[in-house]
């Protein structure tokens, strides 16, 4: 292996991946994905779609999931910094309803592997951020689900700075609490 360092998280299945970065006076080079390295690390997936979004500071996206076509995701930040959050929604999981968060940035170059059946979202902490992710299934617009970002039962510790103005889509303000979702 050697090209990536993989950290397990407090919730089984989640992994934070740090690539090896080769840098000199010209800049840097890194592999953002190598099937063989990821397979050796236990992430043996066929990714079928890549997505990218750009957002300004205070944008909060999520918490989203696909209902009948769940996706494994490998997420990273190309520019800026975000606080990336997932909630375990796997039926029968001993950590069902628990959340995990990690800062992803262009500086730390970390990636976050999220297995199927997790709700996912992020908060932009920098003035601007570009977020990229790979998915193991295609997006199905009629298969969207979500959990309200500020569900008091989840008690996610979003790092919202004093005076930070949140920008949340209308759709994301109307998701139910996790306890109101039948799964």
N, C-alpha and C. Protein backbone atom coordinates (compact mmCIF):
# COMPACT_ATOMS: atom_id res chain seq x y z
N UNK A 1 0.87 -1.18 0.00
CA UNK A 1 0.00 0.00 0.00
C UNK A 1 0.91 1.23 0.00
N UNK A 2 1.05 1.94 1.08
CA UNK A 2 2.01 3.02 1.17
C UNK A 2 1.58 4.35 0.60
N UNK A 3 0.70 4.36 -0.42
CA UNK A 3 0.31 5.63 -1.02
C UNK A 3 -0.83 6.30 -0.27
N UNK A 4 -1.55 5.55 0.55
CA UNK A 4 -2.62 6.12 1.36
C UNK A 4 -2.51 5.61 2.79
N UNK A 5 -2.95 6.46 3.73
CA UNK A 5 -3.05 6.05 5.13
C UNK A 5 -4.55 6.05 5.45
N UNK A 6 -5.03 4.95 6.01
CA UNK A 6 -6.46 4.79 6.27
C UNK A 6 -6.70 4.72 7.77
N UNK A 7 -7.55 5.63 8.25
CA UNK A 7 -7.93 5.65 9.66
C UNK A 7 -9.36 5.15 9.79
N UNK A 8 -9.57 4.21 10.72
CA UNK A 8 -10.94 3.80 11.01
C UNK A 8 -11.55 4.83 11.96
N UNK A 9 -12.86 4.85 12.00
CA UNK A 9 -13.57 5.85 12.80
C UNK A 9 -14.36 5.15 13.90
N UNK A 10 -14.99 5.93 14.76
CA UNK A 10 -15.76 5.36 15.87
C UNK A 10 -17.02 4.63 15.40
N UNK A 11 -17.43 4.85 14.15
CA UNK A 11 -18.56 4.13 13.58
C UNK A 11 -18.01 3.19 12.52
N UNK A 12 -18.32 1.91 12.66
CA UNK A 12 -17.80 0.88 11.76
C UNK A 12 -18.14 1.19 10.31
N UNK A 13 -17.15 1.00 9.44
CA UNK A 13 -17.34 1.19 8.01
C UNK A 13 -16.84 2.53 7.50
N UNK A 14 -16.85 3.54 8.36
CA UNK A 14 -16.34 4.86 7.95
C UNK A 14 -14.82 4.84 7.95
N UNK A 15 -14.23 5.51 6.97
CA UNK A 15 -12.77 5.57 6.90
C UNK A 15 -12.34 6.96 6.45
N UNK A 16 -11.32 7.50 7.10
CA UNK A 16 -10.69 8.75 6.69
C UNK A 16 -9.37 8.37 6.02
N UNK A 17 -9.20 8.82 4.80
CA UNK A 17 -8.05 8.45 4.00
C UNK A 17 -7.17 9.67 3.76
N UNK A 18 -5.88 9.51 4.03
CA UNK A 18 -4.92 10.58 3.77
C UNK A 18 -3.96 10.08 2.69
N UNK A 19 -3.93 10.75 1.54
CA UNK A 19 -3.02 10.32 0.47
C UNK A 19 -1.60 10.78 0.75
N UNK A 20 -0.65 10.10 0.12
CA UNK A 20 0.73 10.56 0.15
C UNK A 20 0.84 11.70 -0.87
N UNK A 21 1.41 12.80 -0.42
CA UNK A 21 1.57 13.98 -1.27
C UNK A 21 3.06 14.16 -1.55
N UNK A 22 3.40 14.25 -2.83
CA UNK A 22 4.77 14.47 -3.25
C UNK A 22 4.89 15.93 -3.67
N UNK A 23 5.69 16.69 -2.93
CA UNK A 23 5.79 18.11 -3.22
C UNK A 23 7.22 18.58 -3.36
N UNK A 24 7.37 19.65 -4.12
CA UNK A 24 8.65 20.33 -4.25
C UNK A 24 8.37 21.80 -4.60
N UNK A 25 9.39 22.50 -5.05
CA UNK A 25 9.21 23.94 -5.33
C UNK A 25 8.21 24.21 -6.45
N UNK A 26 7.90 23.21 -7.26
CA UNK A 26 6.94 23.38 -8.36
C UNK A 26 5.49 23.29 -7.89
N UNK A 27 5.28 22.60 -6.75
CA UNK A 27 3.91 22.34 -6.27
C UNK A 27 3.83 20.94 -5.69
N UNK A 28 2.78 20.21 -6.03
CA UNK A 28 2.64 18.87 -5.48
C UNK A 28 1.95 17.95 -6.49
N UNK A 29 2.05 16.63 -6.20
CA UNK A 29 1.34 15.60 -6.94
C UNK A 29 0.83 14.59 -5.93
N UNK A 30 -0.38 14.09 -6.18
CA UNK A 30 -0.92 13.00 -5.36
C UNK A 30 -1.92 12.21 -6.19
N UNK A 31 -2.07 10.94 -5.87
CA UNK A 31 -3.13 10.13 -6.48
C UNK A 31 -4.37 10.32 -5.61
N UNK A 32 -5.46 10.76 -6.23
CA UNK A 32 -6.69 10.93 -5.47
C UNK A 32 -7.49 9.63 -5.41
N UNK A 33 -7.20 8.71 -6.32
CA UNK A 33 -7.85 7.41 -6.28
C UNK A 33 -7.01 6.42 -7.07
N UNK A 34 -6.75 5.28 -6.45
CA UNK A 34 -6.08 4.17 -7.11
C UNK A 34 -6.79 2.91 -6.64
N UNK A 35 -7.46 2.25 -7.56
CA UNK A 35 -8.27 1.08 -7.21
C UNK A 35 -7.49 0.07 -6.37
N UNK A 36 -6.26 -0.24 -6.77
CA UNK A 36 -5.49 -1.27 -6.05
C UNK A 36 -5.21 -0.87 -4.61
N UNK A 37 -4.85 0.39 -4.38
CA UNK A 37 -4.58 0.85 -3.01
C UNK A 37 -5.85 0.81 -2.17
N UNK A 38 -6.96 1.25 -2.74
CA UNK A 38 -8.22 1.26 -1.99
C UNK A 38 -8.70 -0.17 -1.72
N UNK A 39 -8.55 -1.05 -2.68
CA UNK A 39 -8.94 -2.45 -2.49
C UNK A 39 -8.13 -3.06 -1.35
N UNK A 40 -6.83 -2.81 -1.34
CA UNK A 40 -5.97 -3.33 -0.28
C UNK A 40 -6.39 -2.79 1.09
N UNK A 41 -6.96 -1.57 1.10
CA UNK A 41 -7.42 -0.95 2.35
C UNK A 41 -8.84 -1.39 2.73
N UNK A 42 -9.42 -2.31 1.94
CA UNK A 42 -10.76 -2.81 2.26
C UNK A 42 -11.88 -2.02 1.62
N UNK A 43 -11.56 -1.14 0.69
CA UNK A 43 -12.58 -0.35 -0.01
C UNK A 43 -12.58 -0.81 -1.45
N UNK A 44 -13.26 -1.92 -1.69
CA UNK A 44 -13.30 -2.55 -3.02
C UNK A 44 -14.64 -2.22 -3.66
N UNK A 45 -14.71 -1.07 -4.30
CA UNK A 45 -15.95 -0.54 -4.85
C UNK A 45 -15.78 -0.22 -6.33
N UNK A 46 -16.89 -0.27 -7.04
CA UNK A 46 -16.92 0.24 -8.41
C UNK A 46 -17.65 1.56 -8.38
N UNK A 47 -16.90 2.65 -8.55
CA UNK A 47 -17.50 3.97 -8.58
C UNK A 47 -17.99 4.24 -10.00
N UNK A 48 -19.25 4.74 -10.13
CA UNK A 48 -19.86 4.91 -11.44
C UNK A 48 -20.17 6.36 -11.78
N UNK A 49 -20.04 7.26 -10.80
CA UNK A 49 -20.38 8.66 -11.06
C UNK A 49 -19.52 9.55 -10.18
N UNK A 50 -18.98 10.62 -10.77
CA UNK A 50 -18.25 11.64 -10.03
C UNK A 50 -19.07 12.92 -10.04
N UNK A 51 -19.12 13.60 -8.89
CA UNK A 51 -19.86 14.85 -8.76
C UNK A 51 -18.95 15.91 -8.15
N UNK A 52 -19.27 17.17 -8.42
CA UNK A 52 -18.53 18.28 -7.84
C UNK A 52 -19.48 19.43 -7.60
N UNK A 53 -19.32 20.11 -6.47
CA UNK A 53 -20.14 21.29 -6.18
C UNK A 53 -19.23 22.40 -5.67
N UNK A 54 -19.73 23.62 -5.79
CA UNK A 54 -19.04 24.79 -5.27
C UNK A 54 -20.02 25.53 -4.38
N UNK A 55 -19.54 26.01 -3.24
CA UNK A 55 -20.40 26.68 -2.28
C UNK A 55 -19.62 27.77 -1.56
N UNK A 56 -20.36 28.74 -1.04
CA UNK A 56 -19.73 29.81 -0.28
C UNK A 56 -19.84 29.51 1.23
N UNK A 57 -19.13 30.30 2.01
CA UNK A 57 -19.11 30.12 3.46
C UNK A 57 -20.53 30.13 4.03
N UNK A 58 -20.78 29.21 4.93
CA UNK A 58 -22.07 29.14 5.59
C UNK A 58 -23.10 28.28 4.89
N UNK A 59 -22.78 27.79 3.69
CA UNK A 59 -23.71 26.88 3.01
C UNK A 59 -23.69 25.55 3.75
N UNK A 60 -24.88 25.08 4.09
CA UNK A 60 -25.03 23.78 4.73
C UNK A 60 -25.89 22.93 3.80
N UNK A 61 -25.31 21.82 3.34
CA UNK A 61 -26.01 20.90 2.44
C UNK A 61 -26.25 19.60 3.20
N UNK A 62 -27.50 19.13 3.15
CA UNK A 62 -27.79 17.84 3.78
C UNK A 62 -28.81 17.95 4.87
N UNK A 63 -29.03 16.86 5.45
CA UNK A 63 -28.38 15.56 5.41
C UNK A 63 -29.13 14.66 4.42
N UNK A 64 -28.47 14.18 3.37
CA UNK A 64 -29.12 13.48 2.28
C UNK A 64 -28.77 11.99 2.25
N UNK A 65 -29.68 11.21 1.68
CA UNK A 65 -29.42 9.80 1.39
C UNK A 65 -30.33 9.37 0.26
N UNK A 66 -29.98 8.26 -0.38
CA UNK A 66 -30.82 7.65 -1.41
C UNK A 66 -31.55 6.49 -0.74
N UNK A 67 -32.85 6.37 -0.99
CA UNK A 67 -33.70 5.41 -0.29
C UNK A 67 -33.53 3.99 -0.83
N UNK A 68 -33.89 3.78 -2.09
CA UNK A 68 -33.86 2.44 -2.68
C UNK A 68 -32.59 2.16 -3.46
N UNK A 69 -31.81 3.18 -3.75
CA UNK A 69 -30.56 3.03 -4.49
C UNK A 69 -29.43 3.67 -3.70
N UNK A 70 -29.12 3.12 -2.52
CA UNK A 70 -28.09 3.75 -1.68
C UNK A 70 -26.73 3.73 -2.35
N UNK A 71 -25.91 4.70 -1.98
CA UNK A 71 -24.60 4.88 -2.59
C UNK A 71 -23.50 4.84 -1.53
N UNK A 72 -22.40 4.16 -1.85
CA UNK A 72 -21.15 4.37 -1.13
C UNK A 72 -20.57 5.64 -1.74
N UNK A 73 -19.88 6.44 -0.92
CA UNK A 73 -19.30 7.69 -1.43
C UNK A 73 -17.87 7.84 -0.94
N UNK A 74 -17.06 8.44 -1.79
CA UNK A 74 -15.71 8.84 -1.42
C UNK A 74 -15.65 10.34 -1.68
N UNK A 75 -15.57 11.12 -0.60
CA UNK A 75 -15.69 12.58 -0.70
C UNK A 75 -14.37 13.25 -0.34
N UNK A 76 -14.17 14.44 -0.94
CA UNK A 76 -12.97 15.22 -0.64
C UNK A 76 -13.20 16.68 -1.02
N UNK A 77 -12.36 17.54 -0.51
CA UNK A 77 -12.43 18.97 -0.82
C UNK A 77 -11.25 19.32 -1.71
N UNK A 78 -11.54 19.98 -2.81
CA UNK A 78 -10.50 20.40 -3.75
C UNK A 78 -9.99 21.79 -3.38
N UNK A 79 -10.91 22.63 -2.92
CA UNK A 79 -10.55 24.01 -2.55
C UNK A 79 -11.35 24.41 -1.33
N UNK A 80 -10.71 25.04 -0.36
CA UNK A 80 -11.40 25.50 0.83
C UNK A 80 -11.45 24.45 1.92
N UNK A 81 -12.48 24.58 2.79
CA UNK A 81 -12.62 23.67 3.93
C UNK A 81 -14.10 23.48 4.26
N UNK A 82 -14.45 22.24 4.58
CA UNK A 82 -15.80 21.92 5.03
C UNK A 82 -15.74 21.04 6.26
N UNK A 83 -16.85 21.05 7.00
CA UNK A 83 -17.07 20.08 8.07
C UNK A 83 -18.05 19.08 7.49
N UNK A 84 -17.58 17.85 7.28
CA UNK A 84 -18.36 16.81 6.63
C UNK A 84 -18.97 15.91 7.71
N UNK A 85 -20.27 15.62 7.57
CA UNK A 85 -21.00 14.88 8.61
C UNK A 85 -21.79 13.74 7.99
N UNK A 86 -21.80 12.61 8.70
CA UNK A 86 -22.66 11.49 8.33
C UNK A 86 -23.43 11.02 9.55
N UNK A 87 -24.59 10.41 9.28
CA UNK A 87 -25.42 9.81 10.33
C UNK A 87 -25.69 8.37 9.92
N UNK A 88 -25.43 7.45 10.82
CA UNK A 88 -25.65 6.02 10.56
C UNK A 88 -27.14 5.72 10.51
N UNK A 89 -27.60 5.25 9.35
CA UNK A 89 -29.00 4.90 9.16
C UNK A 89 -29.14 3.42 8.77
N UNK A 90 -28.11 2.63 9.03
CA UNK A 90 -28.13 1.22 8.67
C UNK A 90 -29.03 0.46 9.62
N UNK A 91 -30.08 -0.18 9.09
CA UNK A 91 -30.98 -0.95 9.95
C UNK A 91 -30.19 -2.02 10.73
N UNK A 92 -30.44 -2.11 12.01
CA UNK A 92 -29.78 -3.11 12.85
C UNK A 92 -28.38 -2.75 13.30
N UNK A 93 -27.87 -1.61 12.89
CA UNK A 93 -26.52 -1.21 13.27
C UNK A 93 -26.48 -0.83 14.75
N UNK A 94 -25.41 -1.23 15.43
CA UNK A 94 -25.26 -0.88 16.86
C UNK A 94 -25.02 0.62 17.04
N UNK A 95 -24.67 1.32 15.96
CA UNK A 95 -24.44 2.76 16.03
C UNK A 95 -25.52 3.54 15.27
N UNK A 96 -26.67 2.92 15.03
CA UNK A 96 -27.78 3.59 14.33
C UNK A 96 -28.08 4.92 15.04
N UNK A 97 -28.20 5.98 14.25
CA UNK A 97 -28.53 7.29 14.79
C UNK A 97 -27.35 8.08 15.31
N UNK A 98 -26.16 7.50 15.30
CA UNK A 98 -24.97 8.24 15.73
C UNK A 98 -24.38 8.98 14.54
N UNK A 99 -23.72 10.09 14.82
CA UNK A 99 -23.11 10.89 13.78
C UNK A 99 -21.60 10.92 13.95
N UNK A 100 -20.94 11.25 12.84
CA UNK A 100 -19.48 11.41 12.85
C UNK A 100 -19.16 12.58 11.93
N UNK A 101 -18.22 13.42 12.35
CA UNK A 101 -17.83 14.57 11.54
C UNK A 101 -16.33 14.66 11.39
N UNK A 102 -15.90 15.18 10.24
CA UNK A 102 -14.47 15.34 9.97
C UNK A 102 -14.28 16.60 9.12
N UNK A 103 -13.19 17.32 9.39
CA UNK A 103 -12.85 18.48 8.57
C UNK A 103 -12.06 17.99 7.36
N UNK A 104 -12.53 18.40 6.20
CA UNK A 104 -11.84 18.10 4.94
C UNK A 104 -11.43 19.43 4.34
N UNK A 105 -10.20 19.49 3.86
CA UNK A 105 -9.73 20.77 3.30
C UNK A 105 -8.70 20.55 2.21
N UNK A 106 -8.47 21.61 1.45
CA UNK A 106 -7.43 21.55 0.43
C UNK A 106 -6.06 21.40 1.10
N UNK A 107 -5.92 21.85 2.34
CA UNK A 107 -4.63 21.73 3.03
C UNK A 107 -4.39 20.30 3.51
N UNK A 108 -5.38 19.70 4.20
CA UNK A 108 -5.13 18.35 4.75
C UNK A 108 -5.32 17.25 3.71
N UNK A 109 -6.00 17.54 2.60
CA UNK A 109 -6.18 16.63 1.47
C UNK A 109 -6.82 15.30 1.87
N UNK A 110 -7.47 15.26 3.02
CA UNK A 110 -8.11 14.02 3.47
C UNK A 110 -9.35 13.71 2.64
N UNK A 111 -9.63 12.43 2.54
CA UNK A 111 -10.84 11.95 1.89
C UNK A 111 -11.63 11.17 2.94
N UNK A 112 -12.93 11.05 2.71
CA UNK A 112 -13.82 10.39 3.67
C UNK A 112 -14.62 9.35 2.90
N UNK A 113 -14.47 8.08 3.30
CA UNK A 113 -15.26 7.01 2.69
C UNK A 113 -16.50 6.78 3.53
N UNK A 114 -17.66 6.86 2.86
CA UNK A 114 -18.95 6.73 3.53
C UNK A 114 -19.70 5.56 2.90
N UNK A 115 -19.96 4.50 3.68
CA UNK A 115 -20.70 3.36 3.12
C UNK A 115 -22.17 3.68 2.87
N UNK A 116 -22.82 2.77 2.18
CA UNK A 116 -24.26 2.89 1.93
C UNK A 116 -25.02 3.07 3.25
N UNK A 117 -26.18 3.70 3.15
CA UNK A 117 -27.13 3.85 4.25
C UNK A 117 -26.65 4.77 5.37
N UNK A 118 -25.91 5.79 4.98
CA UNK A 118 -25.58 6.90 5.87
C UNK A 118 -26.19 8.15 5.26
N UNK A 119 -26.78 9.01 6.09
CA UNK A 119 -27.17 10.34 5.64
C UNK A 119 -25.90 11.19 5.64
N UNK A 120 -25.79 12.09 4.67
CA UNK A 120 -24.55 12.84 4.49
C UNK A 120 -24.82 14.32 4.27
N UNK A 121 -23.97 15.15 4.84
CA UNK A 121 -24.07 16.59 4.62
C UNK A 121 -22.77 17.27 4.97
N UNK A 122 -22.70 18.57 4.67
CA UNK A 122 -21.50 19.31 5.05
C UNK A 122 -21.81 20.79 5.19
N UNK A 123 -20.96 21.46 5.97
CA UNK A 123 -21.02 22.90 6.21
C UNK A 123 -19.72 23.50 5.69
N UNK A 124 -19.83 24.55 4.86
CA UNK A 124 -18.65 25.22 4.32
C UNK A 124 -18.10 26.19 5.37
N UNK A 125 -16.82 26.00 5.71
CA UNK A 125 -16.17 26.82 6.73
C UNK A 125 -15.31 27.93 6.14
N UNK A 126 -14.82 27.74 4.93
CA UNK A 126 -13.98 28.74 4.27
C UNK A 126 -14.86 29.69 3.46
N UNK A 127 -14.27 30.75 2.93
CA UNK A 127 -15.04 31.71 2.13
C UNK A 127 -15.67 31.04 0.91
N UNK A 128 -15.02 30.00 0.39
CA UNK A 128 -15.47 29.31 -0.80
C UNK A 128 -14.93 27.89 -0.72
N UNK A 129 -15.68 26.92 -1.20
CA UNK A 129 -15.20 25.53 -1.20
C UNK A 129 -15.69 24.80 -2.44
N UNK A 130 -14.82 23.95 -2.96
CA UNK A 130 -15.18 23.03 -4.02
C UNK A 130 -15.08 21.62 -3.45
N UNK A 131 -16.18 20.89 -3.60
CA UNK A 131 -16.36 19.58 -2.98
C UNK A 131 -16.54 18.56 -4.10
N UNK A 132 -15.81 17.44 -4.05
CA UNK A 132 -15.90 16.42 -5.09
C UNK A 132 -16.15 15.07 -4.45
N UNK A 133 -16.93 14.24 -5.14
CA UNK A 133 -17.16 12.90 -4.60
C UNK A 133 -17.49 11.90 -5.69
N UNK A 134 -17.10 10.66 -5.39
CA UNK A 134 -17.35 9.50 -6.23
C UNK A 134 -18.50 8.71 -5.60
N UNK A 135 -19.36 8.12 -6.44
CA UNK A 135 -20.50 7.34 -5.96
C UNK A 135 -20.53 5.98 -6.62
N UNK A 136 -21.06 4.97 -5.91
CA UNK A 136 -21.15 3.63 -6.46
C UNK A 136 -22.48 3.34 -7.13
N UNK A 137 -23.40 4.29 -7.13
CA UNK A 137 -24.64 4.15 -7.89
C UNK A 137 -24.96 5.52 -8.48
N UNK A 138 -25.77 5.50 -9.51
CA UNK A 138 -26.17 6.75 -10.14
C UNK A 138 -27.19 7.47 -9.29
N UNK A 139 -27.26 8.77 -9.45
CA UNK A 139 -28.24 9.58 -8.74
C UNK A 139 -29.63 9.33 -9.35
N UNK A 140 -30.60 9.08 -8.50
CA UNK A 140 -31.99 8.88 -8.90
C UNK A 140 -32.80 9.99 -8.24
N UNK A 141 -33.24 11.01 -8.99
CA UNK A 141 -33.89 12.17 -8.39
C UNK A 141 -35.17 11.85 -7.62
N UNK A 142 -35.86 10.79 -7.96
CA UNK A 142 -37.09 10.44 -7.24
C UNK A 142 -36.83 9.52 -6.05
N UNK A 143 -35.56 9.35 -5.69
CA UNK A 143 -35.18 8.43 -4.62
C UNK A 143 -34.52 9.17 -3.45
N UNK A 144 -34.67 10.49 -3.40
CA UNK A 144 -34.02 11.28 -2.37
C UNK A 144 -34.71 11.14 -1.01
N UNK A 145 -33.89 11.07 0.00
CA UNK A 145 -34.38 11.15 1.37
C UNK A 145 -33.48 12.11 2.13
N UNK A 146 -33.92 12.47 3.32
CA UNK A 146 -33.10 13.36 4.12
C UNK A 146 -33.52 13.39 5.57
N UNK A 147 -32.61 13.88 6.37
CA UNK A 147 -32.82 14.09 7.80
C UNK A 147 -32.53 15.56 8.05
N UNK A 148 -33.35 16.21 8.85
CA UNK A 148 -33.15 17.63 9.14
C UNK A 148 -31.78 17.82 9.81
N UNK A 149 -31.06 18.82 9.36
CA UNK A 149 -29.68 19.04 9.78
C UNK A 149 -29.53 19.33 11.28
N UNK A 150 -30.57 19.89 11.88
CA UNK A 150 -30.49 20.27 13.30
C UNK A 150 -31.39 19.41 14.18
N UNK A 151 -31.57 18.15 13.81
CA UNK A 151 -32.37 17.22 14.59
C UNK A 151 -31.83 17.20 16.03
N UNK A 152 -32.66 17.60 17.02
CA UNK A 152 -32.15 17.68 18.39
C UNK A 152 -31.76 16.32 18.97
N UNK A 153 -32.34 15.25 18.46
CA UNK A 153 -31.97 13.92 18.96
C UNK A 153 -30.58 13.51 18.49
N UNK A 154 -30.16 14.01 17.32
CA UNK A 154 -28.81 13.70 16.82
C UNK A 154 -27.77 14.58 17.50
N UNK A 155 -28.13 15.82 17.80
CA UNK A 155 -27.24 16.77 18.47
C UNK A 155 -25.88 16.89 17.79
N UNK A 156 -25.91 17.07 16.47
CA UNK A 156 -24.67 17.24 15.71
C UNK A 156 -24.01 18.55 16.14
N UNK A 157 -22.73 18.48 16.42
CA UNK A 157 -21.97 19.65 16.86
C UNK A 157 -21.37 20.36 15.64
N UNK A 158 -22.23 21.03 14.87
CA UNK A 158 -21.78 21.79 13.72
C UNK A 158 -20.89 22.94 14.21
N UNK A 159 -19.73 23.17 13.61
CA UNK A 159 -18.87 24.27 14.04
C UNK A 159 -19.32 25.60 13.43
N UNK A 160 -20.47 26.07 13.87
CA UNK A 160 -21.04 27.32 13.37
C UNK A 160 -20.43 28.47 14.16
N UNK A 161 -19.67 29.30 13.47
CA UNK A 161 -19.01 30.42 14.12
C UNK A 161 -20.03 31.50 14.49
N UNK A 162 -19.72 32.26 15.54
CA UNK A 162 -20.57 33.40 15.90
C UNK A 162 -20.70 34.32 14.69
N UNK A 163 -21.92 34.69 14.38
CA UNK A 163 -22.18 35.59 13.27
C UNK A 163 -22.22 34.93 11.90
N UNK A 164 -21.96 33.61 11.84
CA UNK A 164 -22.00 32.93 10.55
C UNK A 164 -23.45 32.85 10.07
N UNK A 165 -23.68 33.32 8.86
CA UNK A 165 -25.00 33.26 8.26
C UNK A 165 -25.11 31.94 7.50
N UNK A 166 -26.06 31.09 7.91
CA UNK A 166 -26.25 29.82 7.23
C UNK A 166 -27.10 30.02 5.98
N UNK A 167 -26.74 29.32 4.94
CA UNK A 167 -27.52 29.28 3.72
C UNK A 167 -27.91 27.82 3.51
N UNK A 168 -29.21 27.56 3.59
CA UNK A 168 -29.73 26.19 3.51
C UNK A 168 -30.86 26.19 2.49
N UNK A 169 -30.87 25.20 1.61
CA UNK A 169 -31.93 25.13 0.60
C UNK A 169 -33.28 24.93 1.28
N UNK A 170 -34.32 25.35 0.61
CA UNK A 170 -35.67 25.17 1.13
C UNK A 170 -35.94 23.69 1.40
N UNK A 171 -35.53 22.84 0.48
CA UNK A 171 -35.73 21.39 0.64
C UNK A 171 -35.06 20.89 1.92
N UNK A 172 -33.84 21.37 2.19
CA UNK A 172 -33.09 20.88 3.35
C UNK A 172 -33.64 21.39 4.68
N UNK A 173 -34.51 22.38 4.65
CA UNK A 173 -35.13 22.85 5.89
C UNK A 173 -36.40 22.06 6.22
N UNK A 174 -36.82 21.19 5.32
CA UNK A 174 -38.10 20.48 5.50
C UNK A 174 -37.96 18.98 5.72
N UNK A 175 -36.74 18.46 5.79
CA UNK A 175 -36.57 17.03 6.05
C UNK A 175 -37.07 16.70 7.45
N UNK A 176 -37.53 15.47 7.68
CA UNK A 176 -37.99 15.07 9.01
C UNK A 176 -36.82 14.76 9.95
N UNK A 177 -37.15 14.61 11.22
CA UNK A 177 -36.18 14.11 12.19
C UNK A 177 -35.96 12.62 11.90
N UNK A 178 -34.82 12.10 12.30
CA UNK A 178 -34.51 10.69 12.09
C UNK A 178 -35.59 9.79 12.71
N UNK A 179 -36.07 10.15 13.89
CA UNK A 179 -37.06 9.32 14.58
C UNK A 179 -38.40 9.25 13.84
N UNK A 180 -38.62 10.18 12.91
CA UNK A 180 -39.88 10.19 12.14
C UNK A 180 -39.76 9.44 10.81
N UNK A 181 -38.60 8.89 10.52
CA UNK A 181 -38.38 8.17 9.26
C UNK A 181 -38.62 6.69 9.50
N UNK A 182 -39.47 6.10 8.68
CA UNK A 182 -39.75 4.66 8.78
C UNK A 182 -38.76 3.92 7.89
N UNK A 183 -37.94 3.05 8.48
CA UNK A 183 -36.95 2.27 7.71
C UNK A 183 -37.02 0.83 8.11
